[in-house]
């Protein structure tokens, strides 16, 4: 199960990172933002995404021991989104010893 999660989150990390670097130039994104702000579903989707980032950040804050690491991961998640979230899960998965099940991922 841990291996499946490692593959899943590595895939999310790599594909999301690739899509950010290869398909979006800053100029095109800024040009589209004005149009997107006028689209109710685009705005709703953006809010939904950030609520998900905040929800994930709550779990990260639970897992992390120091205020510094909590704030660092919050900043990374809010700025890099799924790239940071998948990287966090990958780090947690690789830190697990071979014995515990994947449920140990959710404990402190």
PDB file of N, CA and C in Angstrom:
ATOM      1  N   UNK A   1       0.817  -1.189   0.000  1.00  0.00           N
ATOM      2  CA  UNK A   1       0.000   0.000   0.000  1.00  0.00           C
ATOM      3  C   UNK A   1       0.865   1.260   0.000  1.00  0.00           C
ATOM      4  N   UNK A   2       1.954   1.246   0.772  1.00  0.00           N
ATOM      5  CA  UNK A   2       2.834   2.416   0.796  1.00  0.00           C
ATOM      6  C   UNK A   2       3.437   2.666  -0.581  1.00  0.00           C
ATOM      7  N   UNK A   3       3.798   1.594  -1.265  1.00  0.00           N
ATOM      8  CA  UNK A   3       4.377   1.748  -2.597  1.00  0.00           C
ATOM      9  C   UNK A   3       3.369   2.372  -3.550  1.00  0.00           C
ATOM     10  N   UNK A   4       2.118   1.950  -3.478  1.00  0.00           N
ATOM     11  CA  UNK A   4       1.082   2.539  -4.334  1.00  0.00           C
ATOM     12  C   UNK A   4       0.924   4.024  -4.054  1.00  0.00           C
ATOM     13  N   UNK A   5       0.942   4.404  -2.764  1.00  0.00           N
ATOM     14  CA  UNK A   5       0.846   5.817  -2.419  1.00  0.00           C
ATOM     15  C   UNK A   5       2.066   6.592  -2.915  1.00  0.00           C
ATOM     16  N   UNK A   6       3.227   6.003  -2.806  1.00  0.00           N
ATOM     17  CA  UNK A   6       4.445   6.668  -3.291  1.00  0.00           C
ATOM     18  C   UNK A   6       4.343   6.932  -4.793  1.00  0.00           C
ATOM     19  N   UNK A   7       3.878   5.946  -5.530  1.00  0.00           N
ATOM     20  CA  UNK A   7       3.723   6.105  -6.979  1.00  0.00           C
ATOM     21  C   UNK A   7       2.674   7.165  -7.291  1.00  0.00           C
ATOM     22  N   UNK A   8       1.538   7.120  -6.589  1.00  0.00           N
ATOM     23  CA  UNK A   8       0.464   8.092  -6.807  1.00  0.00           C
ATOM     24  C   UNK A   8       0.945   9.512  -6.573  1.00  0.00           C
ATOM     25  N   UNK A   9       1.554   9.779  -5.412  1.00  0.00           N
ATOM     26  CA  UNK A   9       1.949  11.140  -5.090  1.00  0.00           C
ATOM     27  C   UNK A   9       3.168  11.599  -5.880  1.00  0.00           C
ATOM     28  N   UNK A  10       4.055  10.686  -6.248  1.00  0.00           N
ATOM     29  CA  UNK A  10       5.158  11.055  -7.127  1.00  0.00           C
ATOM     30  C   UNK A  10       4.616  11.444  -8.499  1.00  0.00           C
ATOM     31  N   UNK A  11       3.622  10.712  -8.978  1.00  0.00           N
ATOM     32  CA  UNK A  11       2.999  11.053 -10.252  1.00  0.00           C
ATOM     33  C   UNK A  11       2.325  12.410 -10.208  1.00  0.00           C
ATOM     34  N   UNK A  12       1.589  12.691  -9.141  1.00  0.00           N
ATOM     35  CA  UNK A  12       0.950  14.006  -8.992  1.00  0.00           C
ATOM     36  C   UNK A  12       2.012  15.091  -8.985  1.00  0.00           C
ATOM     37  N   UNK A  13       3.058  14.879  -8.201  1.00  0.00           N
ATOM     38  CA  UNK A  13       4.122  15.870  -8.101  1.00  0.00           C
ATOM     39  C   UNK A  13       4.759  16.134  -9.462  1.00  0.00           C
ATOM     40  N   UNK A  14       5.142  15.081 -10.160  1.00  0.00           N
ATOM     41  CA  UNK A  14       5.836  15.243 -11.437  1.00  0.00           C
ATOM     42  C   UNK A  14       4.927  15.834 -12.520  1.00  0.00           C
ATOM     43  N   UNK A  15       3.702  15.344 -12.614  1.00  0.00           N
ATOM     44  CA  UNK A  15       2.797  15.850 -13.648  1.00  0.00           C
ATOM     45  C   UNK A  15       2.385  17.290 -13.383  1.00  0.00           C
ATOM     46  N   UNK A  16       2.125  17.631 -12.137  1.00  0.00           N
ATOM     47  CA  UNK A  16       1.732  18.998 -11.828  1.00  0.00           C
ATOM     48  C   UNK A  16       2.903  19.947 -12.028  1.00  0.00           C
ATOM     49  N   UNK A  17       4.083  19.525 -11.612  1.00  0.00           N
ATOM     50  CA  UNK A  17       5.272  20.349 -11.815  1.00  0.00           C
ATOM     51  C   UNK A  17       5.525  20.543 -13.312  1.00  0.00           C
ATOM     52  N   UNK A  18       5.412  19.489 -14.095  1.00  0.00           N
ATOM     53  CA  UNK A  18       5.604  19.572 -15.542  1.00  0.00           C
ATOM     54  C   UNK A  18       4.592  20.513 -16.169  1.00  0.00           C
ATOM     55  N   UNK A  19       3.334  20.395 -15.764  1.00  0.00           N
ATOM     56  CA  UNK A  19       2.303  21.243 -16.364  1.00  0.00           C
ATOM     57  C   UNK A  19       2.521  22.708 -16.029  1.00  0.00           C
ATOM     58  N   UNK A  20       3.050  22.998 -14.854  1.00  0.00           N
ATOM     59  CA  UNK A  20       3.299  24.386 -14.489  1.00  0.00           C
ATOM     60  C   UNK A  20       4.456  24.976 -15.279  1.00  0.00           C
ATOM     61  N   UNK A  21       5.444  24.174 -15.592  1.00  0.00           N
ATOM     62  CA  UNK A  21       6.616  24.687 -16.280  1.00  0.00           C
ATOM     63  C   UNK A  21       6.488  24.668 -17.804  1.00  0.00           C
ATOM     64  N   UNK A  22       5.709  23.768 -18.334  1.00  0.00           N
ATOM     65  CA  UNK A  22       5.718  23.629 -19.782  1.00  0.00           C
ATOM     66  C   UNK A  22       4.543  24.297 -20.482  1.00  0.00           C
ATOM     67  N   UNK A  23       3.425  24.486 -19.804  1.00  0.00           N
ATOM     68  CA  UNK A  23       2.237  24.958 -20.497  1.00  0.00           C
ATOM     69  C   UNK A  23       1.803  26.372 -20.144  1.00  0.00           C
ATOM     70  N   UNK A  24       2.410  26.979 -19.156  1.00  0.00           N
ATOM     71  CA  UNK A  24       1.936  28.287 -18.728  1.00  0.00           C
ATOM     72  C   UNK A  24       3.079  29.280 -18.720  1.00  0.00           C
ATOM     73  N   UNK A  25       2.932  30.299 -19.526  1.00  0.00           N
ATOM     74  CA  UNK A  25       3.880  31.393 -19.380  1.00  0.00           C
ATOM     75  C   UNK A  25       3.200  32.442 -18.531  1.00  0.00           C
ATOM     76  N   UNK A  26       3.968  33.211 -17.808  1.00  0.00           N
ATOM     77  CA  UNK A  26       3.407  34.213 -16.923  1.00  0.00           C
ATOM     78  C   UNK A  26       2.485  35.176 -17.640  1.00  0.00           C
ATOM     79  N   UNK A  27       2.858  35.600 -18.835  1.00  0.00           N
ATOM     80  CA  UNK A  27       2.043  36.561 -19.573  1.00  0.00           C
ATOM     81  C   UNK A  27       0.675  36.008 -19.927  1.00  0.00           C
ATOM     82  N   UNK A  28       0.622  34.782 -20.415  1.00  0.00           N
ATOM     83  CA  UNK A  28      -0.662  34.188 -20.774  1.00  0.00           C
ATOM     84  C   UNK A  28      -1.554  34.039 -19.559  1.00  0.00           C
ATOM     85  N   UNK A  29      -0.972  33.639 -18.439  1.00  0.00           N
ATOM     86  CA  UNK A  29      -1.766  33.442 -17.239  1.00  0.00           C
ATOM     87  C   UNK A  29      -2.353  34.769 -16.766  1.00  0.00           C
ATOM     88  N   UNK A  30      -1.551  35.818 -16.763  1.00  0.00           N
ATOM     89  CA  UNK A  30      -2.051  37.120 -16.323  1.00  0.00           C
ATOM     90  C   UNK A  30      -3.131  37.647 -17.247  1.00  0.00           C
ATOM     91  N   UNK A  31      -2.988  37.422 -18.549  1.00  0.00           N
ATOM     92  CA  UNK A  31      -4.018  37.853 -19.493  1.00  0.00           C
ATOM     93  C   UNK A  31      -5.342  37.153 -19.225  1.00  0.00           C
ATOM     94  N   UNK A  32      -5.287  35.897 -18.855  1.00  0.00           N
ATOM     95  CA  UNK A  32      -6.501  35.120 -18.635  1.00  0.00           C
ATOM     96  C   UNK A  32      -7.146  35.416 -17.285  1.00  0.00           C
ATOM     97  N   UNK A  33      -6.402  35.926 -16.329  1.00  0.00           N
ATOM     98  CA  UNK A  33      -6.947  36.148 -14.998  1.00  0.00           C
ATOM     99  C   UNK A  33      -8.125  37.126 -15.024  1.00  0.00           C
ATOM    100  N   UNK A  34      -8.048  38.181 -15.813  1.00  0.00           N
ATOM    101  CA  UNK A  34      -9.161  39.121 -15.897  1.00  0.00           C
ATOM    102  C   UNK A  34     -10.430  38.424 -16.357  1.00  0.00           C
ATOM    103  N   UNK A  35     -10.322  37.576 -17.346  1.00  0.00           N
ATOM    104  CA  UNK A  35     -11.470  36.827 -17.853  1.00  0.00           C
ATOM    105  C   UNK A  35     -11.983  35.854 -16.793  1.00  0.00           C
ATOM    106  N   UNK A  36     -11.066  35.162 -16.134  1.00  0.00           N
ATOM    107  CA  UNK A  36     -11.461  34.163 -15.138  1.00  0.00           C
ATOM    108  C   UNK A  36     -12.175  34.787 -13.947  1.00  0.00           C
ATOM    109  N   UNK A  37     -11.755  35.979 -13.559  1.00  0.00           N
ATOM    110  CA  UNK A  37     -12.394  36.628 -12.413  1.00  0.00           C
ATOM    111  C   UNK A  37     -13.868  36.923 -12.678  1.00  0.00           C
ATOM    112  N   UNK A  38     -14.236  37.047 -13.930  1.00  0.00           N
ATOM    113  CA  UNK A  38     -15.628  37.337 -14.283  1.00  0.00           C
ATOM    114  C   UNK A  38     -16.455  36.060 -14.462  1.00  0.00           C
ATOM    115  N   UNK A  39     -15.857  34.917 -14.299  1.00  0.00           N
ATOM    116  CA  UNK A  39     -16.551  33.641 -14.457  1.00  0.00           C
ATOM    117  C   UNK A  39     -16.867  33.063 -13.071  1.00  0.00           C
ATOM    118  N   UNK A  40     -18.150  32.974 -12.702  1.00  0.00           N
ATOM    119  CA  UNK A  40     -18.495  32.502 -11.357  1.00  0.00           C
ATOM    120  C   UNK A  40     -17.921  31.128 -11.019  1.00  0.00           C
ATOM    121  N   UNK A  41     -17.922  30.203 -11.988  1.00  0.00           N
ATOM    122  CA  UNK A  41     -17.409  28.869 -11.684  1.00  0.00           C
ATOM    123  C   UNK A  41     -15.901  28.876 -11.504  1.00  0.00           C
ATOM    124  N   UNK A  42     -15.211  29.749 -12.205  1.00  0.00           N
ATOM    125  CA  UNK A  42     -13.761  29.854 -12.021  1.00  0.00           C
ATOM    126  C   UNK A  42     -13.450  30.366 -10.619  1.00  0.00           C
ATOM    127  N   UNK A  43     -14.203  31.357 -10.177  1.00  0.00           N
ATOM    128  CA  UNK A  43     -14.005  31.901  -8.839  1.00  0.00           C
ATOM    129  C   UNK A  43     -14.338  30.840  -7.795  1.00  0.00           C
ATOM    130  N   UNK A  44     -15.451  30.124  -7.981  1.00  0.00           N
ATOM    131  CA  UNK A  44     -15.845  29.077  -7.036  1.00  0.00           C
ATOM    132  C   UNK A  44     -14.794  27.969  -6.981  1.00  0.00           C
ATOM    133  N   UNK A  45     -14.249  27.603  -8.122  1.00  0.00           N
ATOM    134  CA  UNK A  45     -13.221  26.563  -8.174  1.00  0.00           C
ATOM    135  C   UNK A  45     -11.955  27.016  -7.469  1.00  0.00           C
ATOM    136  N   UNK A  46     -11.604  28.269  -7.637  1.00  0.00           N
ATOM    137  CA  UNK A  46     -10.428  28.801  -6.965  1.00  0.00           C
ATOM    138  C   UNK A  46     -10.607  28.768  -5.446  1.00  0.00           C
ATOM    139  N   UNK A  47     -11.775  29.214  -4.976  1.00  0.00           N
ATOM    140  CA  UNK A  47     -12.055  29.136  -3.541  1.00  0.00           C
ATOM    141  C   UNK A  47     -12.013  27.687  -3.061  1.00  0.00           C
ATOM    142  N   UNK A  48     -12.625  26.788  -3.812  1.00  0.00           N
ATOM    143  CA  UNK A  48     -12.645  25.386  -3.433  1.00  0.00           C
ATOM    144  C   UNK A  48     -11.228  24.827  -3.322  1.00  0.00           C
ATOM    145  N   UNK A  49     -10.381  25.179  -4.282  1.00  0.00           N
ATOM    146  CA  UNK A  49      -8.997  24.706  -4.256  1.00  0.00           C
ATOM    147  C   UNK A  49      -8.279  25.211  -3.004  1.00  0.00           C
ATOM    148  N   UNK A  50      -8.421  26.481  -2.716  1.00  0.00           N
ATOM    149  CA  UNK A  50      -7.720  27.021  -1.553  1.00  0.00           C
ATOM    150  C   UNK A  50      -8.281  26.499  -0.241  1.00  0.00           C
ATOM    151  N   UNK A  51      -9.577  26.225  -0.179  1.00  0.00           N
ATOM    152  CA  UNK A  51     -10.125  25.589   1.021  1.00  0.00           C
ATOM    153  C   UNK A  51      -9.520  24.200   1.194  1.00  0.00           C
ATOM    154  N   UNK A  52      -9.320  23.492   0.096  1.00  0.00           N
ATOM    155  CA  UNK A  52      -8.649  22.189   0.155  1.00  0.00           C
ATOM    156  C   UNK A  52      -7.210  22.324   0.621  1.00  0.00           C
ATOM    157  N   UNK A  53      -6.514  23.359   0.150  1.00  0.00           N
ATOM    158  CA  UNK A  53      -5.131  23.578   0.581  1.00  0.00           C
ATOM    159  C   UNK A  53      -5.079  23.859   2.075  1.00  0.00           C
ATOM    160  N   UNK A  54      -6.031  24.649   2.562  1.00  0.00           N
ATOM    161  CA  UNK A  54      -6.067  24.964   3.978  1.00  0.00           C
ATOM    162  C   UNK A  54      -6.386  23.714   4.798  1.00  0.00           C
ATOM    163  N   UNK A  55      -7.334  22.905   4.313  1.00  0.00           N
ATOM    164  CA  UNK A  55      -7.667  21.661   5.005  1.00  0.00           C
ATOM    165  C   UNK A  55      -6.442  20.757   5.106  1.00  0.00           C
ATOM    166  N   UNK A  56      -5.715  20.608   4.010  1.00  0.00           N
ATOM    167  CA  UNK A  56      -4.499  19.797   4.012  1.00  0.00           C
ATOM    168  C   UNK A  56      -3.471  20.397   4.969  1.00  0.00           C
ATOM    169  N   UNK A  57      -3.385  21.732   4.999  1.00  0.00           N
ATOM    170  CA  UNK A  57      -2.433  22.415   5.874  1.00  0.00           C
ATOM    171  C   UNK A  57      -2.727  22.155   7.345  1.00  0.00           C
ATOM    172  N   UNK A  58      -3.994  21.962   7.691  1.00  0.00           N
ATOM    173  CA  UNK A  58      -4.346  21.634   9.074  1.00  0.00           C
ATOM    174  C   UNK A  58      -3.735  20.289   9.453  1.00  0.00           C
ATOM    175  N   UNK A  59      -3.806  19.329   8.547  1.00  0.00           N
ATOM    176  CA  UNK A  59      -3.191  18.020   8.809  1.00  0.00           C
ATOM    177  C   UNK A  59      -1.675  18.167   8.949  1.00  0.00           C
ATOM    178  N   UNK A  60      -1.077  18.978   8.079  1.00  0.00           N
ATOM    179  CA  UNK A  60       0.364  19.209   8.148  1.00  0.00           C
ATOM    180  C   UNK A  60       0.728  19.853   9.487  1.00  0.00           C
ATOM    181  N   UNK A  61      -0.060  20.822   9.920  1.00  0.00           N
ATOM    182  CA  UNK A  61       0.203  21.483  11.202  1.00  0.00           C
ATOM    183  C   UNK A  61       0.120  20.479  12.350  1.00  0.00           C
ATOM    184  N   UNK A  62      -0.807  19.542  12.253  1.00  0.00           N
ATOM    185  CA  UNK A  62      -0.912  18.475  13.255  1.00  0.00           C
ATOM    186  C   UNK A  62       0.341  17.597  13.250  1.00  0.00           C
ATOM    187  N   UNK A  63       0.833  17.274  12.066  1.00  0.00           N
ATOM    188  CA  UNK A  63       1.975  16.364  11.934  1.00  0.00           C
ATOM    189  C   UNK A  63       3.302  17.020  12.329  1.00  0.00           C
ATOM    190  N   UNK A  64       3.457  18.295  12.007  1.00  0.00           N
ATOM    191  CA  UNK A  64       4.734  18.966  12.228  1.00  0.00           C
ATOM    192  C   UNK A  64       4.857  19.420  13.682  1.00  0.00           C
ATOM    193  N   UNK A  65       6.098  19.418  14.189  1.00  0.00           N
ATOM    194  CA  UNK A  65       6.338  19.718  15.598  1.00  0.00           C
ATOM    195  C   UNK A  65       6.669  21.176  15.888  1.00  0.00           C
ATOM    196  N   UNK A  66       7.187  21.889  14.910  1.00  0.00           N
ATOM    197  CA  UNK A  66       7.626  23.261  15.187  1.00  0.00           C
ATOM    198  C   UNK A  66       6.783  24.270  14.409  1.00  0.00           C
ATOM    199  N   UNK A  67       6.665  25.451  14.970  1.00  0.00           N
ATOM    200  CA  UNK A  67       5.945  26.527  14.297  1.00  0.00           C
ATOM    201  C   UNK A  67       6.599  26.861  12.965  1.00  0.00           C
ATOM    202  N   UNK A  68       7.932  26.872  12.933  1.00  0.00           N
ATOM    203  CA  UNK A  68       8.669  27.181  11.706  1.00  0.00           C
ATOM    204  C   UNK A  68       8.295  26.210  10.578  1.00  0.00           C
ATOM    205  N   UNK A  69       8.298  24.919  10.849  1.00  0.00           N
ATOM    206  CA  UNK A  69       7.981  23.953   9.794  1.00  0.00           C
ATOM    207  C   UNK A  69       6.507  24.055   9.394  1.00  0.00           C
ATOM    208  N   UNK A  70       5.633  24.336  10.347  1.00  0.00           N
ATOM    209  CA  UNK A  70       4.217  24.520  10.020  1.00  0.00           C
ATOM    210  C   UNK A  70       4.025  25.705   9.084  1.00  0.00           C
ATOM    211  N   UNK A  71       4.664  26.824   9.394  1.00  0.00           N
ATOM    212  CA  UNK A  71       4.535  28.022   8.553  1.00  0.00           C
ATOM    213  C   UNK A  71       5.182  27.836   7.189  1.00  0.00           C
ATOM    214  N   UNK A  72       6.327  27.161   7.174  1.00  0.00           N
ATOM    215  CA  UNK A  72       7.006  26.893   5.902  1.00  0.00           C
ATOM    216  C   UNK A  72       6.122  26.056   4.983  1.00  0.00           C
ATOM    217  N   UNK A  73       5.575  24.962   5.527  1.00  0.00           N
ATOM    218  CA  UNK A  73       4.718  24.108   4.701  1.00  0.00           C
ATOM    219  C   UNK A  73       3.434  24.828   4.289  1.00  0.00           C
ATOM    220  N   UNK A  74       2.874  25.658   5.157  1.00  0.00           N
ATOM    221  CA  UNK A  74       1.691  26.441   4.785  1.00  0.00           C
ATOM    222  C   UNK A  74       2.011  27.341   3.599  1.00  0.00           C
ATOM    223  N   UNK A  75       3.135  28.036   3.658  1.00  0.00           N
ATOM    224  CA  UNK A  75       3.536  28.913   2.546  1.00  0.00           C
ATOM    225  C   UNK A  75       3.753  28.113   1.265  1.00  0.00           C
ATOM    226  N   UNK A  76       4.401  26.964   1.379  1.00  0.00           N
ATOM    227  CA  UNK A  76       4.642  26.133   0.201  1.00  0.00           C
ATOM    228  C   UNK A  76       3.329  25.619  -0.393  1.00  0.00           C
ATOM    229  N   UNK A  77       2.427  25.179   0.463  1.00  0.00           N
ATOM    230  CA  UNK A  77       1.147  24.646  -0.016  1.00  0.00           C
ATOM    231  C   UNK A  77       0.321  25.737  -0.683  1.00  0.00           C
ATOM    232  N   UNK A  78       0.272  26.919  -0.077  1.00  0.00           N
ATOM    233  CA  UNK A  78      -0.530  28.000  -0.656  1.00  0.00           C
ATOM    234  C   UNK A  78       0.080  28.554  -1.941  1.00  0.00           C
ATOM    235  N   UNK A  79       1.395  28.410  -2.104  1.00  0.00           N
ATOM    236  CA  UNK A  79       2.013  28.937  -3.321  1.00  0.00           C
ATOM    237  C   UNK A  79       2.219  27.880  -4.405  1.00  0.00           C
ATOM    238  N   UNK A  80       2.469  26.650  -4.025  1.00  0.00           N
ATOM    239  CA  UNK A  80       2.758  25.604  -5.013  1.00  0.00           C
ATOM    240  C   UNK A  80       1.654  24.559  -5.139  1.00  0.00           C
ATOM    241  N   UNK A  81       0.660  24.634  -4.273  1.00  0.00           N
ATOM    242  CA  UNK A  81      -0.526  23.779  -4.344  1.00  0.00           C
ATOM    243  C   UNK A  81      -0.175  22.291  -4.326  1.00  0.00           C
ATOM    244  N   UNK A  82      -0.670  21.559  -5.312  1.00  0.00           N
ATOM    245  CA  UNK A  82      -0.511  20.101  -5.335  1.00  0.00           C
ATOM    246  C   UNK A  82       0.939  19.654  -5.435  1.00  0.00           C
ATOM    247  N   UNK A  83       1.796  20.490  -5.964  1.00  0.00           N
ATOM    248  CA  UNK A  83       3.222  20.140  -6.009  1.00  0.00           C
ATOM    249  C   UNK A  83       3.738  19.992  -4.580  1.00  0.00           C
ATOM    250  N   UNK A  84       3.461  20.976  -3.733  1.00  0.00           N
ATOM    251  CA  UNK A  84       3.922  20.929  -2.340  1.00  0.00           C
ATOM    252  C   UNK A  84       3.208  19.826  -1.565  1.00  0.00           C
ATOM    253  N   UNK A  85       1.917  19.656  -1.805  1.00  0.00           N
ATOM    254  CA  UNK A  85       1.162  18.646  -1.062  1.00  0.00           C
ATOM    255  C   UNK A  85       1.650  17.241  -1.396  1.00  0.00           C
ATOM    256  N   UNK A  86       1.880  16.966  -2.656  1.00  0.00           N
ATOM    257  CA  UNK A  86       2.363  15.629  -3.016  1.00  0.00           C
ATOM    258  C   UNK A  86       3.787  15.419  -2.515  1.00  0.00           C
ATOM    259  N   UNK A  87       4.604  16.465  -2.526  1.00  0.00           N
ATOM    260  CA  UNK A  87       5.956  16.354  -1.987  1.00  0.00           C
ATOM    261  C   UNK A  87       5.911  16.068  -0.492  1.00  0.00           C
ATOM    262  N   UNK A  88       5.022  16.732   0.237  1.00  0.00           N
ATOM    263  CA  UNK A  88       4.905  16.489   1.676  1.00  0.00           C
ATOM    264  C   UNK A  88       4.540  15.029   1.949  1.00  0.00           C
ATOM    265  N   UNK A  89       3.559  14.515   1.219  1.00  0.00           N
ATOM    266  CA  UNK A  89       3.141  13.125   1.424  1.00  0.00           C
ATOM    267  C   UNK A  89       4.278  12.169   1.058  1.00  0.00           C
ATOM    268  N   UNK A  90       4.978  12.448  -0.023  1.00  0.00           N
ATOM    269  CA  UNK A  90       6.119  11.597  -0.389  1.00  0.00           C
ATOM    270  C   UNK A  90       7.170  11.578   0.715  1.00  0.00           C
ATOM    271  N   UNK A  91       7.500  12.737   1.263  1.00  0.00           N
ATOM    272  CA  UNK A  91       8.476  12.801   2.350  1.00  0.00           C
ATOM    273  C   UNK A  91       8.003  11.953   3.530  1.00  0.00           C
ATOM    274  N   UNK A  92       6.724  12.100   3.872  1.00  0.00           N
ATOM    275  CA  UNK A  92       6.179  11.325   4.991  1.00  0.00           C
ATOM    276  C   UNK A  92       6.230   9.823   4.708  1.00  0.00           C
ATOM    277  N   UNK A  93       5.920   9.436   3.480  1.00  0.00           N
ATOM    278  CA  UNK A  93       5.941   8.012   3.121  1.00  0.00           C
ATOM    279  C   UNK A  93       7.355   7.434   3.191  1.00  0.00           C
ATOM    280  N   UNK A  94       8.330   8.184   2.706  1.00  0.00           N
ATOM    281  CA  UNK A  94       9.693   7.675   2.730  1.00  0.00           C
ATOM    282  C   UNK A  94      10.284   7.683   4.134  1.00  0.00           C
ATOM    283  N   UNK A  95       9.733   8.474   5.042  1.00  0.00           N
ATOM    284  CA  UNK A  95      10.192   8.469   6.434  1.00  0.00           C
ATOM    285  C   UNK A  95       9.659   7.275   7.216  1.00  0.00           C
ATOM    286  N   UNK A  96       8.594   6.658   6.734  1.00  0.00           N
ATOM    287  CA  UNK A  96       8.031   5.501   7.441  1.00  0.00           C
ATOM    288  C   UNK A  96       9.002   4.335   7.394  1.00  0.00           C
ATOM    289  N   UNK A  97       9.093   3.662   8.490  1.00  0.00           N
ATOM    290  CA  UNK A  97       9.896   2.444   8.537  1.00  0.00           C
ATOM    291  C   UNK A  97       9.159   1.353   7.763  1.00  0.00           C
ATOM    292  N   UNK A  98       9.848   0.295   7.343  1.00  0.00           N
ATOM    293  CA  UNK A  98       9.184  -0.762   6.572  1.00  0.00           C
ATOM    294  C   UNK A  98       8.057  -1.465   7.317  1.00  0.00           C
ATOM    295  N   UNK A  99       8.151  -1.540   8.649  1.00  0.00           N
ATOM    296  CA  UNK A  99       7.173  -2.299   9.423  1.00  0.00           C
ATOM    297  C   UNK A  99       5.787  -1.665   9.477  1.00  0.00           C
ATOM    298  N   UNK A 100       5.669  -0.359   9.790  1.00  0.00           N
ATOM    299  CA  UNK A 100       4.312   0.150  10.000  1.00  0.00           C
ATOM    300  C   UNK A 100       3.504   0.207   8.707  1.00  0.00           C
ATOM    301  N   UNK A 101       2.213   0.098   8.904  1.00  0.00           N
ATOM    302  CA  UNK A 101       1.322   0.210   7.747  1.00  0.00           C
ATOM    303  C   UNK A 101       1.162   1.683   7.379  1.00  0.00           C
ATOM    304  N   UNK A 102       0.470   1.923   6.305  1.00  0.00           N
ATOM    305  CA  UNK A 102       0.289   3.287   5.826  1.00  0.00           C
ATOM    306  C   UNK A 102      -0.549   4.111   6.815  1.00  0.00           C
ATOM    307  N   UNK A 103      -1.290   3.457   7.705  1.00  0.00           N
ATOM    308  CA  UNK A 103      -2.049   4.187   8.720  1.00  0.00           C
ATOM    309  C   UNK A 103      -1.133   5.025   9.601  1.00  0.00           C
ATOM    310  N   UNK A 104       0.107   4.582   9.763  1.00  0.00           N
ATOM    311  CA  UNK A 104       1.073   5.335  10.561  1.00  0.00           C
ATOM    312  C   UNK A 104       1.346   6.715   9.954  1.00  0.00           C
ATOM    313  N   UNK A 105       1.095   6.860   8.676  1.00  0.00           N
ATOM    314  CA  UNK A 105       1.261   8.143   8.000  1.00  0.00           C
ATOM    315  C   UNK A 105       0.394   9.228   8.623  1.00  0.00           C
ATOM    316  N   UNK A 106      -0.754   8.851   9.140  1.00  0.00           N
ATOM    317  CA  UNK A 106      -1.710   9.824   9.658  1.00  0.00           C
ATOM    318  C   UNK A 106      -1.520  10.143  11.132  1.00  0.00           C
ATOM    319  N   UNK A 107      -0.589   9.450  11.766  1.00  0.00           N
ATOM    320  CA  UNK A 107      -0.307   9.718  13.171  1.00  0.00           C
ATOM    321  C   UNK A 107       0.895  10.644  13.278  1.00  0.00           C
ATOM    322  N   UNK A 108       1.025  11.253  14.428  1.00  0.00           N
ATOM    323  CA  UNK A 108       2.171  12.118  14.689  1.00  0.00           C
ATOM    324  C   UNK A 108       3.450  11.351  14.752  1.00  0.00           C
TER     325      UNK A 108
END
